[in-house]
C-alpha atoms as a PDB file:
ATOM      1  CA  MET A   1      16.441 -27.416 -32.269  1.00  0.00           C
ATOM      2  CA  ILE A   2      19.703 -29.988 -32.253  1.00  0.00           C
ATOM      3  CA  LEU A   3      23.290 -30.668 -31.693  1.00  0.00           C
ATOM      4  CA  ARG A   4      24.278 -28.842 -28.485  1.00  0.00           C
ATOM      5  CA  GLU A   5      22.226 -28.566 -24.588  1.00  0.00           C
ATOM      6  CA  LEU A   6      21.515 -25.144 -22.607  1.00  0.00           C
ATOM      7  CA  GLU A   7      21.657 -25.686 -19.178  1.00  0.00           C
ATOM      8  CA  SER A   8      19.772 -23.052 -17.621  1.00  0.00           C
ATOM      9  CA  VAL A   9      19.020 -22.963 -14.053  1.00  0.00           C
ATOM     10  CA  VAL A  10      15.420 -21.416 -13.166  1.00  0.00           C
ATOM     11  CA  ARG A  11      14.855 -21.117  -9.587  1.00  0.00           C
ATOM     12  CA  GLY A  12      16.171 -24.306  -8.558  1.00  0.00           C
ATOM     13  CA  ARG A  13      15.066 -25.858 -11.450  1.00  0.00           C
ATOM     14  CA  ILE A  14      17.743 -27.377 -14.857  1.00  0.00           C
ATOM     15  CA  GLU A  15      16.361 -26.512 -18.248  1.00  0.00           C
ATOM     16  CA  GLN A  16      18.078 -28.461 -20.677  1.00  0.00           C
ATOM     17  CA  ILE A  17      17.430 -26.718 -24.275  1.00  0.00           C
ATOM     18  CA  LYS A  18      18.542 -28.240 -28.023  1.00  0.00           C
ATOM     19  CA  LEU A  19      20.262 -25.504 -29.387  1.00  0.00           C
ATOM     20  CA  SER A  20      21.878 -25.548 -33.146  1.00  0.00           C
ATOM     21  CA  SER A  21      25.650 -24.599 -32.522  1.00  0.00           C
ATOM     22  CA  ARG A  22      25.124 -21.681 -35.086  1.00  0.00           C
ATOM     23  CA  PHE A  23      23.786 -20.128 -32.471  1.00  0.00           C
ATOM     24  CA  CYS A  24      26.019 -17.602 -30.191  1.00  0.00           C
ATOM     25  CA  LEU A  25      23.443 -17.227 -26.415  1.00  0.00           C
ATOM     26  CA  THR A  26      23.289 -13.842 -24.633  1.00  0.00           C
ATOM     27  CA  PRO A  27      21.118 -13.539 -21.003  1.00  0.00           C
ATOM     28  CA  LEU A  28      18.482 -10.481 -21.343  1.00  0.00           C
ATOM     29  CA  GLU A  29      17.009 -11.633 -18.076  1.00  0.00           C
ATOM     30  CA  PHE A  30      17.953 -14.322 -15.103  1.00  0.00           C
ATOM     31  CA  GLY A  31      15.615 -15.991 -13.294  1.00  0.00           C
ATOM     32  CA  SER A  32      15.234 -15.145  -9.551  1.00  0.00           C
ATOM     33  CA  LYS A  33      13.263 -16.098  -5.863  1.00  0.00           C
ATOM     34  CA  ARG A  34      11.022 -13.160  -8.119  1.00  0.00           C
ATOM     35  CA  THR A  35      10.571 -15.032 -10.946  1.00  0.00           C
ATOM     36  CA  ASP A  36      10.417 -18.061 -12.487  1.00  0.00           C
ATOM     37  CA  SER A  37      11.097 -16.928 -16.053  1.00  0.00           C
ATOM     38  CA  GLN A  38      15.001 -16.575 -17.641  1.00  0.00           C
ATOM     39  CA  LEU A  39      14.576 -14.417 -21.013  1.00  0.00           C
ATOM     40  CA  LEU A  40      17.744 -15.090 -23.401  1.00  0.00           C
ATOM     41  CA  LEU A  41      19.464 -14.024 -26.935  1.00  0.00           C
ATOM     42  CA  ALA A  42      19.229 -16.315 -29.785  1.00  0.00           C
ATOM     43  CA  GLU A  43      21.927 -15.147 -32.656  1.00  0.00           C
ATOM     44  CA  ALA A  44      23.647 -17.174 -35.812  1.00  0.00           C
ATOM     45  CA  PRO A  45      26.116 -14.801 -36.675  1.00  0.00           C
ATOM     46  CA  LEU A  46      25.985 -15.983 -40.311  1.00  0.00           C
ATOM     47  CA  SER A  47      22.694 -16.163 -41.375  1.00  0.00           C
ATOM     48  CA  GLY A  48      21.857 -12.947 -38.510  1.00  0.00           C
ATOM     49  CA  GLU A  49      18.803 -15.119 -37.067  1.00  0.00           C
ATOM     50  CA  ARG A  50      17.924 -14.075 -33.982  1.00  0.00           C
ATOM     51  CA  ARG A  51      15.792 -15.643 -32.221  1.00  0.00           C
ATOM     52  CA  ILE A  52      14.454 -14.622 -27.991  1.00  0.00           C
ATOM     53  CA  ILE A  53      14.768 -17.943 -25.975  1.00  0.00           C
ATOM     54  CA  LYS A  54      12.034 -17.499 -22.953  1.00  0.00           C
ATOM     55  CA  ILE A  55      12.476 -19.612 -20.090  1.00  0.00           C
ATOM     56  CA  SER A  56       9.471 -19.637 -17.974  1.00  0.00           C
ATOM     57  CA  SER A  57       6.724 -22.931 -15.942  1.00  0.00           C
ATOM     58  CA  PRO A  58       5.292 -25.549 -18.159  1.00  0.00           C
ATOM     59  CA  GLU A  59       1.960 -24.027 -17.057  1.00  0.00           C
ATOM     60  CA  GLN A  60       2.943 -20.259 -18.145  1.00  0.00           C
ATOM     61  CA  VAL A  61       4.358 -22.081 -21.950  1.00  0.00           C
ATOM     62  CA  ASP A  62       1.227 -23.868 -22.256  1.00  0.00           C
ATOM     63  CA  ASN A  63      -0.635 -20.769 -21.861  1.00  0.00           C
ATOM     64  CA  VAL A  64       1.357 -18.871 -25.250  1.00  0.00           C
ATOM     65  CA  PHE A  65       0.509 -21.547 -27.604  1.00  0.00           C
ATOM     66  CA  ASN A  66      -3.177 -21.393 -26.292  1.00  0.00           C
ATOM     67  CA  SER A  67      -3.865 -18.380 -26.360  1.00  0.00           C
ATOM     68  CA  TYR A  68      -1.269 -17.262 -29.236  1.00  0.00           C
ATOM     69  CA  PRO A  69      -4.607 -18.660 -32.287  1.00  0.00           C
ATOM     70  CA  ILE A  70      -7.166 -15.335 -30.510  1.00  0.00           C
ATOM     71  CA  ILE A  71      -4.739 -12.583 -29.826  1.00  0.00           C
ATOM     72  CA  SER A  72      -2.617 -12.924 -32.747  1.00  0.00           C
ATOM     73  CA  ARG A  73      -6.515 -12.072 -34.436  1.00  0.00           C
ATOM     74  CA  PHE A  74      -5.783  -8.515 -33.192  1.00  0.00           C
ATOM     75  CA  PHE A  75      -2.640  -8.198 -32.294  1.00  0.00           C
ATOM     76  CA  PRO A  76       0.797  -8.569 -34.078  1.00  0.00           C
ATOM     77  CA  THR A  77       2.579 -10.512 -31.846  1.00  0.00           C
ATOM     78  CA  PRO A  78       5.458 -13.085 -32.781  1.00  0.00           C
ATOM     79  CA  GLU A  79       4.294 -16.496 -33.320  1.00  0.00           C
ATOM     80  CA  PRO A  80       5.943 -18.980 -30.787  1.00  0.00           C
ATOM     81  CA  ARG A  81       8.082 -22.070 -30.866  1.00  0.00           C
ATOM     82  CA  ARG A  82       8.210 -24.511 -28.416  1.00  0.00           C
ATOM     83  CA  GLU A  83      11.539 -25.515 -27.622  1.00  0.00           C
ATOM     84  CA  THR A  84      10.840 -27.754 -24.441  1.00  0.00           C
ATOM     85  CA  LYS A  85       8.123 -27.655 -22.113  1.00  0.00           C
ATOM     86  CA  ARG A  86       9.655 -25.039 -19.927  1.00  0.00           C
ATOM     87  CA  SER A  87      10.820 -22.580 -22.799  1.00  0.00           C
ATOM     88  CA  PHE A  88       9.697 -21.396 -25.943  1.00  0.00           C
ATOM     89  CA  SER A  89      11.182 -18.734 -28.446  1.00  0.00           C
ATOM     90  CA  TYR A  90      10.078 -16.191 -31.040  1.00  0.00           C
ATOM     91  CA  THR A  91      11.636 -13.940 -33.542  1.00  0.00           C
ATOM     92  CA  PHE A  92      13.673 -11.317 -32.244  1.00  0.00           C
ATOM     93  CA  VAL A  93      11.546  -8.318 -32.579  1.00  0.00           C
ATOM     94  CA  GLU A  94      13.644  -5.185 -34.124  1.00  0.00           C
ATOM     95  CA  GLY A  95      12.602  -2.045 -32.582  1.00  0.00           C
ATOM     96  CA  VAL A  96      11.900   0.267 -29.129  1.00  0.00           C
ATOM     97  CA  ALA A  97       9.199   0.181 -26.140  1.00  0.00           C
ATOM     98  CA  LEU A  98       6.925   1.701 -26.442  1.00  0.00           C
ATOM     99  CA  ASP A  99       7.951   3.927 -23.062  1.00  0.00           C
ATOM    100  CA  ARG A 100      10.977   5.288 -24.836  1.00  0.00           C
ATOM    101  CA  ILE A 101       8.461   6.252 -27.660  1.00  0.00           C
ATOM    102  CA  VAL A 102       6.530   8.015 -25.186  1.00  0.00           C
ATOM    103  CA  ARG A 103       9.731   9.951 -23.485  1.00  0.00           C
ATOM    104  CA  SER A 104      11.197  11.044 -26.548  1.00  0.00           C
ATOM    105  CA  SER A 105       8.202  11.816 -29.627  1.00  0.00           C
ATOM    106  CA  PRO A 106       4.791  12.309 -26.644  1.00  0.00           C
ATOM    107  CA  ALA A 107       2.862  12.339 -30.031  1.00  0.00           C
ATOM    108  CA  ASP A 108       3.770   9.574 -31.856  1.00  0.00           C
ATOM    109  CA  ALA A 109       3.213   7.907 -28.645  1.00  0.00           C
ATOM    110  CA  LEU A 110      -0.085   8.668 -28.532  1.00  0.00           C
ATOM    111  CA  ARG A 111      -1.205   7.582 -32.172  1.00  0.00           C
ATOM    112  CA  LEU A 112       0.449   4.133 -31.300  1.00  0.00           C
ATOM    113  CA  VAL A 113      -1.581   3.964 -28.327  1.00  0.00           C
ATOM    114  CA  GLY A 114      -4.632   4.944 -29.665  1.00  0.00           C
ATOM    115  CA  GLU A 115      -3.857   1.772 -32.278  1.00  0.00           C
ATOM    116  CA  ILE A 116      -3.317  -0.472 -29.278  1.00  0.00           C
ATOM    117  CA  TYR A 117      -6.397   0.019 -27.332  1.00  0.00           C
ATOM    118  CA  GLU A 118      -8.661   0.211 -30.527  1.00  0.00           C
ATOM    119  CA  SER A 119      -7.240  -3.334 -31.128  1.00  0.00           C
ATOM    120  CA  THR A 120      -7.943  -4.579 -26.938  1.00  0.00           C
ATOM    121  CA  THR A 121     -11.758  -3.407 -27.549  1.00  0.00           C
ATOM    122  CA  LYS A 122     -12.023  -5.116 -30.061  1.00  0.00           C
ATOM    123  CA  LEU A 123     -10.456  -8.380 -28.812  1.00  0.00           C
ATOM    124  CA  TRP A 124     -12.854  -7.450 -25.777  1.00  0.00           C
ATOM    125  CA  GLN A 125     -15.381  -7.342 -28.265  1.00  0.00           C
ATOM    126  CA  PHE A 126     -15.051 -10.731 -29.477  1.00  0.00           C
ATOM    127  CA  THR A 127     -14.685 -12.548 -26.145  1.00  0.00           C
ATOM    128  CA  ILE A 128     -17.129 -10.919 -23.308  1.00  0.00           C
ATOM    129  CA  SER A 129     -18.840 -13.513 -21.507  1.00  0.00           C
ATOM    130  CA  PRO A 130     -20.428 -12.918 -17.911  1.00  0.00           C
ATOM    131  CA  TYR A 131     -17.847 -12.728 -15.477  1.00  0.00           C
ATOM    132  CA  ASN A 132     -17.610 -16.233 -13.552  1.00  0.00           C
ATOM    133  CA  PRO A 133     -14.714 -15.930 -11.074  1.00  0.00           C
ATOM    134  CA  GLN A 134     -13.582 -19.889 -11.247  1.00  0.00           C
ATOM    135  CA  GLU A 135     -12.848 -19.317 -15.358  1.00  0.00           C
ATOM    136  CA  THR A 136     -11.015 -15.759 -15.022  1.00  0.00           C
ATOM    137  CA  VAL A 137      -7.539 -15.719 -14.444  1.00  0.00           C
ATOM    138  CA  TYR A 138      -7.918 -14.153 -10.855  1.00  0.00           C
ATOM    139  CA  ASP A 139     -11.233 -14.241  -8.266  1.00  0.00           C
ATOM    140  CA  HIS A 140     -10.895 -10.541  -7.957  1.00  0.00           C
ATOM    141  CA  ARG A 141     -12.981  -9.849  -5.232  1.00  0.00           C
ATOM    142  CA  MET A 142     -11.377 -12.101  -3.201  1.00  0.00           C
ATOM    143  CA  GLU A 143      -7.602 -11.734  -4.230  1.00  0.00           C
ATOM    144  CA  THR A 144      -8.131  -7.762  -3.436  1.00  0.00           C
ATOM    145  CA  THR A 145      -9.814  -8.095  -0.501  1.00  0.00           C
ATOM    146  CA  LYS A 146      -7.141 -10.263   0.516  1.00  0.00           C
ATOM    147  CA  THR A 147      -4.960  -7.701  -0.375  1.00  0.00           C
ATOM    148  CA  LEU A 148      -6.063  -5.009   1.030  1.00  0.00           C
ATOM    149  CA  THR A 149      -6.891  -6.561   4.353  1.00  0.00           C
ATOM    150  CA  ARG A 150      -2.743  -7.328   4.488  1.00  0.00           C
ATOM    151  CA  ILE A 151      -2.114  -3.881   3.520  1.00  0.00           C
ATOM    152  CA  LYS A 152      -4.250  -2.306   6.341  1.00  0.00           C
ATOM    153  CA  LYS A 153      -2.310  -4.117   8.474  1.00  0.00           C
ATOM    154  CA  GLN A 154       1.170  -3.282   7.168  1.00  0.00           C
ATOM    155  CA  ILE A 155       0.265   0.350   7.359  1.00  0.00           C
ATOM    156  CA  GLU A 156      -1.477  -0.141  11.035  1.00  0.00           C
ATOM    157  CA  ARG A 157       2.317  -1.090  11.890  1.00  0.00           C
ATOM    158  CA  LYS A 158       4.905   0.529   9.964  1.00  0.00           C
ATOM    159  CA  PHE A 159       3.306   4.029   9.488  1.00  0.00           C
ATOM    160  CA  PRO A 160       0.633   4.548  12.786  1.00  0.00           C
ATOM    161  CA  PHE A 161       0.969   8.729  13.415  1.00  0.00           C
ATOM    162  CA  LEU A 162      -0.419   8.066   9.743  1.00  0.00           C
ATOM    163  CA  PHE A 163      -3.185   5.605   9.054  1.00  0.00           C
ATOM    164  CA  ASN A 164      -6.207   7.887  11.342  1.00  0.00           C
ATOM    165  CA  CYS A 165      -4.555  11.157   9.766  1.00  0.00           C
ATOM    166  CA  SER A 166      -7.004  12.903   7.207  1.00  0.00           C
ATOM    167  CA  LEU A 167      -5.741  14.088   4.191  1.00  0.00           C
ATOM    168  CA  GLU A 168      -5.859  17.355   1.673  1.00  0.00           C
ATOM    169  CA  ILE A 169      -4.718  17.555  -2.243  1.00  0.00           C
ATOM    170  CA  ASN A 170      -4.952  20.816  -3.664  1.00  0.00           C
ATOM    171  CA  ARG A 171      -7.875  21.502  -1.150  1.00  0.00           C
ATOM    172  CA  ILE A 172     -10.234  18.398  -1.793  1.00  0.00           C
ATOM    173  CA  LYS A 173     -10.233  16.348   1.321  1.00  0.00           C
ATOM    174  CA  TYR A 174     -10.031  12.973   2.015  1.00  0.00           C
ATOM    175  CA  PRO A 175     -10.967  10.104   4.131  1.00  0.00           C
ATOM    176  CA  SER A 176      -8.119   8.873   6.230  1.00  0.00           C
ATOM    177  CA  LEU A 177      -6.242   5.874   5.137  1.00  0.00           C
ATOM    178  CA  ASP A 178      -8.107   3.868   7.867  1.00  0.00           C
ATOM    179  CA  LEU A 179     -11.817   4.731   6.539  1.00  0.00           C
ATOM    180  CA  LEU A 180     -10.559   4.570   2.783  1.00  0.00           C
ATOM    181  CA  ILE A 181      -9.611   1.072   3.380  1.00  0.00           C
ATOM    182  CA  GLU A 182     -12.568  -0.436   4.785  1.00  0.00           C
ATOM    183  CA  GLY A 183     -14.507   1.615   2.638  1.00  0.00           C
ATOM    184  CA  PHE A 184     -13.120  -0.586  -0.011  1.00  0.00           C
ATOM    185  CA  LEU A 185     -13.487  -3.705   1.497  1.00  0.00           C
ATOM    186  CA  ASN A 186     -17.058  -3.195   2.488  1.00  0.00           C
ATOM    187  CA  ASN A 187     -18.080  -1.918  -0.497  1.00  0.00           C
ATOM    188  CA  PHE A 188     -16.758  -3.593  -3.611  1.00  0.00           C
ATOM    189  CA  PRO A 189     -19.197  -4.550  -6.431  1.00  0.00           C
ATOM    190  CA  GLU A 190     -18.842  -8.041  -8.042  1.00  0.00           C
ATOM    191  CA  PRO A 191     -17.968  -7.957 -11.558  1.00  0.00           C
ATOM    192  CA  ARG A 192     -20.404  -7.784 -14.500  1.00  0.00           C
ATOM    193  CA  ILE A 193     -18.258  -9.286 -17.215  1.00  0.00           C
ATOM    194  CA  ALA A 194     -15.569 -11.213 -17.981  1.00  0.00           C
ATOM    195  CA  VAL A 195     -13.235 -10.683 -21.270  1.00  0.00           C
ATOM    196  CA  PHE A 196      -9.493 -12.094 -22.118  1.00  0.00           C
ATOM    197  CA  ASP A 197      -6.683 -10.429 -23.156  1.00  0.00           C
ATOM    198  CA  SER A 198      -2.583 -10.428 -23.232  1.00  0.00           C
ATOM    199  CA  GLY A 199      -3.084  -9.709 -19.369  1.00  0.00           C
ATOM    200  CA  ASP A 200       0.667  -7.247 -19.829  1.00  0.00           C
ATOM    201  CA  ALA A 201       0.310  -5.411 -22.738  1.00  0.00           C
ATOM    202  CA  ASN A 202       2.089  -3.112 -21.163  1.00  0.00           C
ATOM    203  CA  SER A 203       4.444   0.077 -22.770  1.00  0.00           C
ATOM    204  CA  GLN A 204       7.459  -2.215 -22.207  1.00  0.00           C
ATOM    205  CA  ASN A 205       5.934  -5.161 -23.728  1.00  0.00           C
ATOM    206  CA  ILE A 206       4.981  -3.811 -26.694  1.00  0.00           C
ATOM    207  CA  ILE A 207       7.866  -2.603 -29.132  1.00  0.00           C
ATOM    208  CA  VAL A 208       7.797  -0.187 -32.101  1.00  0.00           C
ATOM    209  CA  GLU A 209       9.958  -1.414 -35.395  1.00  0.00           C
ATOM    210  CA  PRO A 210      11.503   1.441 -37.624  1.00  0.00           C
ATOM    211  CA  ASP A 211       8.430   0.918 -39.926  1.00  0.00           C
ATOM    212  CA  SER A 212       6.382   2.747 -36.838  1.00  0.00           C
ATOM    213  CA  SER A 213       4.254  -0.941 -36.818  1.00  0.00           C
ATOM    214  CA  TRP A 214       3.895  -2.207 -33.508  1.00  0.00           C
ATOM    215  CA  GLN A 215       4.636  -5.793 -32.139  1.00  0.00           C
ATOM    216  CA  LEU A 216       2.760  -7.411 -28.249  1.00  0.00           C
ATOM    217  CA  ILE A 217       6.262  -9.797 -27.744  1.00  0.00           C
ATOM    218  CA  ASP A 218       4.427 -10.824 -23.613  1.00  0.00           C
ATOM    219  CA  ILE A 219       1.488 -12.788 -23.732  1.00  0.00           C
ATOM    220  CA  GLU A 220       2.421 -15.960 -20.897  1.00  0.00           C
ATOM    221  CA  LYS A 221      -0.994 -13.779 -18.965  1.00  0.00           C
ATOM    222  CA  ALA A 222      -3.226 -14.079 -20.941  1.00  0.00           C
ATOM    223  CA  GLY A 223      -7.033 -14.510 -19.936  1.00  0.00           C
ATOM    224  CA  ARG A 224      -9.663 -13.447 -18.752  1.00  0.00           C
ATOM    225  CA  TYR A 225      -9.828 -10.640 -16.325  1.00  0.00           C
ATOM    226  CA  ASP A 226     -12.254  -8.289 -15.129  1.00  0.00           C
ATOM    227  CA  PRO A 227     -12.218  -5.264 -17.934  1.00  0.00           C
ATOM    228  CA  VAL A 228     -12.317  -2.680 -15.169  1.00  0.00           C
ATOM    229  CA  TYR A 229      -8.805  -4.176 -13.505  1.00  0.00           C
ATOM    230  CA  ILE A 230      -7.037  -4.480 -17.104  1.00  0.00           C
ATOM    231  CA  LEU A 231      -7.659  -0.260 -17.462  1.00  0.00           C
ATOM    232  CA  ALA A 232      -6.442  -0.380 -13.727  1.00  0.00           C
ATOM    233  CA  ARG A 233      -3.458  -1.126 -15.007  1.00  0.00           C
ATOM    234  CA  GLN A 234      -2.918   0.592 -17.788  1.00  0.00           C
ATOM    235  CA  ILE A 235      -3.433   4.195 -15.844  1.00  0.00           C
ATOM    236  CA  GLY A 236      -0.946   2.600 -12.818  1.00  0.00           C
ATOM    237  CA  GLN A 237       1.502   1.765 -15.846  1.00  0.00           C
ATOM    238  CA  TRP A 238       1.845   5.454 -17.194  1.00  0.00           C
ATOM    239  CA  LEU A 239       1.791   6.893 -13.642  1.00  0.00           C
ATOM    240  CA  LEU A 240       4.958   4.756 -12.789  1.00  0.00           C
ATOM    241  CA  TYR A 241       6.595   4.527 -15.627  1.00  0.00           C
ATOM    242  CA  VAL A 242       6.360   7.385 -18.060  1.00  0.00           C
ATOM    243  CA  GLU A 243       7.021  10.033 -15.308  1.00  0.00           C
ATOM    244  CA  ASP A 244       6.657   9.746 -11.634  1.00  0.00           C
ATOM    245  CA  PRO A 245       4.591  12.348  -9.714  1.00  0.00           C
ATOM    246  CA  LYS A 246       7.326  12.274  -7.406  1.00  0.00           C
ATOM    247  CA  HIS A 247       9.156  14.815  -9.684  1.00  0.00           C
ATOM    248  CA  ILE A 248       7.032  16.839 -10.267  1.00  0.00           C
ATOM    249  CA  PHE A 249       5.988  19.958  -7.914  1.00  0.00           C
ATOM    250  CA  TRP A 250       4.306  20.176  -4.685  1.00  0.00           C
ATOM    251  CA  LYS A 251       4.863  20.764  -1.147  1.00  0.00           C
ATOM    252  CA  MET A 252       3.473  18.626   2.031  1.00  0.00           C
ATOM    253  CA  ASN A 253       2.523  20.016   5.322  1.00  0.00           C
ATOM    254  CA  ARG A 254       1.263  18.458   8.443  1.00  0.00           C
ATOM    255  CA  ASP A 255      -0.957  20.424  11.127  1.00  0.00           C
ATOM    256  CA  SER A 256      -3.947  19.837  13.472  1.00  0.00           C
ATOM    257  CA  TRP A 257      -6.098  18.866  11.241  1.00  0.00           C
ATOM    258  CA  GLY A 258      -3.771  16.181   8.973  1.00  0.00           C
ATOM    259  CA  VAL A 259      -1.936  15.996   5.809  1.00  0.00           C
ATOM    260  CA  LYS A 260      -2.353  18.571   2.996  1.00  0.00           C
ATOM    261  CA  ILE A 261      -0.351  18.674  -0.243  1.00  0.00           C
ATOM    262  CA  VAL A 262       0.014  20.897  -3.554  1.00  0.00           C
ATOM    263  CA  TYR A 263       0.425  19.819  -6.737  1.00  0.00           C
ATOM    264  CA  ASP A 264       0.618  20.552 -10.000  1.00  0.00           C
ATOM    265  CA  PRO A 265      -1.156  18.429 -12.386  1.00  0.00           C
ATOM    266  CA  TYR A 266      -0.259  20.601 -15.607  1.00  0.00           C
ATOM    267  CA  ARG A 267       3.292  19.032 -15.082  1.00  0.00           C
ATOM    268  CA  LEU A 268       1.817  16.244 -16.173  1.00  0.00           C
ATOM    269  CA  PRO A 269       0.441  16.283 -19.525  1.00  0.00           C
ATOM    270  CA  VAL A 270       1.293  13.471 -21.015  1.00  0.00           C
ATOM    271  CA  VAL A 271       0.086  11.248 -18.337  1.00  0.00           C
ATOM    272  CA  THR A 272      -3.346  13.154 -18.222  1.00  0.00           C
ATOM    273  CA  SER A 273      -3.039  12.115 -22.281  1.00  0.00           C
ATOM    274  CA  LEU A 274      -2.523   8.640 -22.128  1.00  0.00           C
ATOM    275  CA  ILE A 275      -4.409   8.418 -18.959  1.00  0.00           C
ATOM    276  CA  GLY A 276      -7.385   9.999 -20.419  1.00  0.00           C
ATOM    277  CA  LEU A 277      -6.945   7.458 -23.716  1.00  0.00           C
ATOM    278  CA  ALA A 278      -7.386   5.329 -21.388  1.00  0.00           C
ATOM    279  CA  LYS A 279     -10.108   6.063 -20.088  1.00  0.00           C
ATOM    280  CA  ILE A 280     -12.115   7.146 -23.186  1.00  0.00           C
ATOM    281  CA  ASN A 281     -11.684   3.722 -24.960  1.00  0.00           C
ATOM    282  CA  LEU A 282     -11.237   0.826 -22.121  1.00  0.00           C
ATOM    283  CA  GLY A 283     -13.970   2.927 -20.265  1.00  0.00           C
ATOM    284  CA  SER A 284     -16.180   3.398 -23.138  1.00  0.00           C
ATOM    285  CA  PHE A 285     -16.513  -0.566 -23.731  1.00  0.00           C
ATOM    286  CA  ILE A 286     -17.334  -1.259 -19.703  1.00  0.00           C
ATOM    287  CA  ASP A 287     -19.849   1.522 -19.436  1.00  0.00           C
ATOM    288  CA  LYS A 288     -21.812  -0.674 -22.699  1.00  0.00           C
ATOM    289  CA  TYR A 289     -22.252  -3.206 -20.317  1.00  0.00           C
ATOM    290  CA  GLU A 290     -21.896  -1.875 -16.506  1.00  0.00           C
ATOM    291  CA  ASP A 291     -23.012   0.943 -14.283  1.00  0.00           C
ATOM    292  CA  ARG A 292     -20.009   3.630 -14.564  1.00  0.00           C
ATOM    293  CA  LYS A 293     -20.168   3.993 -10.349  1.00  0.00           C
ATOM    294  CA  ASN A 294     -19.735   0.933  -9.656  1.00  0.00           C
ATOM    295  CA  TRP A 295     -17.021  -0.083 -11.930  1.00  0.00           C
ATOM    296  CA  GLU A 296     -15.735   3.395 -10.642  1.00  0.00           C
ATOM    297  CA  LYS A 297     -15.884   2.054  -7.442  1.00  0.00           C
ATOM    298  CA  ARG A 298     -13.926  -1.303  -8.273  1.00  0.00           C
ATOM    299  CA  LEU A 299     -11.117   0.758 -10.245  1.00  0.00           C
ATOM    300  CA  GLY A 300     -10.334   2.494  -7.617  1.00  0.00           C
ATOM    301  CA  VAL A 301      -9.446  -0.457  -5.361  1.00  0.00           C
ATOM    302  CA  TYR A 302      -7.686  -2.031  -7.773  1.00  0.00           C
ATOM    303  CA  LEU A 303      -5.658   1.289  -7.889  1.00  0.00           C
ATOM    304  CA  PHE A 304      -4.980   1.459  -4.546  1.00  0.00           C
ATOM    305  CA  VAL A 305      -4.004  -2.110  -4.443  1.00  0.00           C
ATOM    306  CA  PHE A 306      -1.847  -1.719  -7.514  1.00  0.00           C
ATOM    307  CA  PHE A 307       0.255   1.416  -6.748  1.00  0.00           C
ATOM    308  CA  CYS A 308       0.989  -0.056  -2.831  1.00  0.00           C
ATOM    309  CA  PRO A 309       3.176  -2.947  -3.709  1.00  0.00           C
ATOM    310  CA  LEU A 310       5.410  -1.318  -5.738  1.00  0.00           C
ATOM    311  CA  ARG A 311       5.632   1.805  -4.074  1.00  0.00           C
ATOM    312  CA  GLY A 312       7.495   0.102  -0.843  1.00  0.00           C
ATOM    313  CA  PHE A 313       5.049  -2.128   1.039  1.00  0.00           C
ATOM    314  CA  GLY A 314       6.930  -4.922   1.810  1.00  0.00           C
ATOM    315  CA  GLY A 315       9.697  -2.750   1.498  1.00  0.00           C
ATOM    316  CA  LYS A 316      11.103   0.351   2.371  1.00  0.00           C
ATOM    317  CA  LEU A 317       8.595   3.402   1.638  1.00  0.00           C
ATOM    318  CA  ASP A 318       9.223   6.982   2.973  1.00  0.00           C
ATOM    319  CA  PHE A 319       6.115   9.183   4.277  1.00  0.00           C
ATOM    320  CA  GLU A 320       6.155  11.678   1.854  1.00  0.00           C
ATOM    321  CA  GLU A 321       5.126   8.817  -1.128  1.00  0.00           C
ATOM    322  CA  ILE A 322       2.279   8.003   0.901  1.00  0.00           C
ATOM    323  CA  TRP A 323       0.008  10.674  -0.795  1.00  0.00           C
ATOM    324  CA  PHE A 324       0.770   8.671  -3.624  1.00  0.00           C
ATOM    325  CA  PHE A 325      -1.339   6.425  -3.669  1.00  0.00           C
ATOM    326  CA  TYR A 326      -4.507   8.797  -3.583  1.00  0.00           C
ATOM    327  CA  LEU A 327      -3.616   9.730  -7.183  1.00  0.00           C
ATOM    328  CA  GLY A 328      -5.598   7.049  -8.538  1.00  0.00           C
ATOM    329  CA  ALA A 329      -8.047   5.857  -5.638  1.00  0.00           C
ATOM    330  CA  ALA A 330      -8.806   8.785  -4.081  1.00  0.00           C
ATOM    331  CA  SER A 331      -9.442  10.682  -7.591  1.00  0.00           C
ATOM    332  CA  TYR A 332     -12.701   8.988  -7.959  1.00  0.00           C
ATOM    333  CA  ARG A 333     -14.801  10.365  -4.989  1.00  0.00           C
ATOM    334  CA  GLY A 334     -17.298   7.515  -5.308  1.00  0.00           C
ATOM    335  CA  CYS A 335     -14.471   4.595  -3.778  1.00  0.00           C
ATOM    336  CA  TYR A 336     -15.334   5.532  -0.982  1.00  0.00           C
END
């Protein structure tokens, strides 16, 4: 951490990183209005040393160093090194992201995901405590209610013809969006427990090495969470990043009753298996401490909220995509 200085701009801030002249730098991820972080690859051609430098907010950098001693007890993760108050680095992990393994070798991916969920539940068991919104990363109930209210207004404005329309998926009838959201707002059970979690152990942050071992590379969002929220993120990532349900066979028609959709769930064998692993491992842990009916209601709400921003609210959204929100949320009949 000597000799020459690198200036990097993240959201208008100039961050100076002192770096040895033997390193060459390659930007991997640029900061923008939508992110507080920037990623750089530092390579030393002579020694072969490679490090990832991440520039972030001072709070997130501090959180990495506060969380590492806990996370590293249960997850293999590279040890961070502080560079400046807004940056840290860690040894480059040679390998590919887990989401690529899911696509190329599903059997290997399922084995790895099982190991990851086993590590997750061990971490949860070690850090479990009664739920206190003042100690969690988010006040889950308050923030989710705010987001639902905002989503409701957006749907009313963008899709007024659909808002009061009933929906049928594979011959199962669901309430209209207005009733579904109203039910979520009026019936959101308070979490019973909180656990410490990395906050972002998705398939893009798990690097699988050539010897099939794996490492978690992003712990900036680590903190205390409602475990049901983490389960929802796991289910959501498999639906969104592995096989997009938009690409499976389905057809939709509108009649005087409402919208009817038919799709073939057997076109999603890998996703179905991955979601099953999440429910069995993480859901079984939650079952020990909370009534399933209550936590499944929250799971449905989290999934609905999770899908809406990613599928276009605030941006473009096709009418045909609106049914996608129901796949996670409305499949739990007790959610409304």
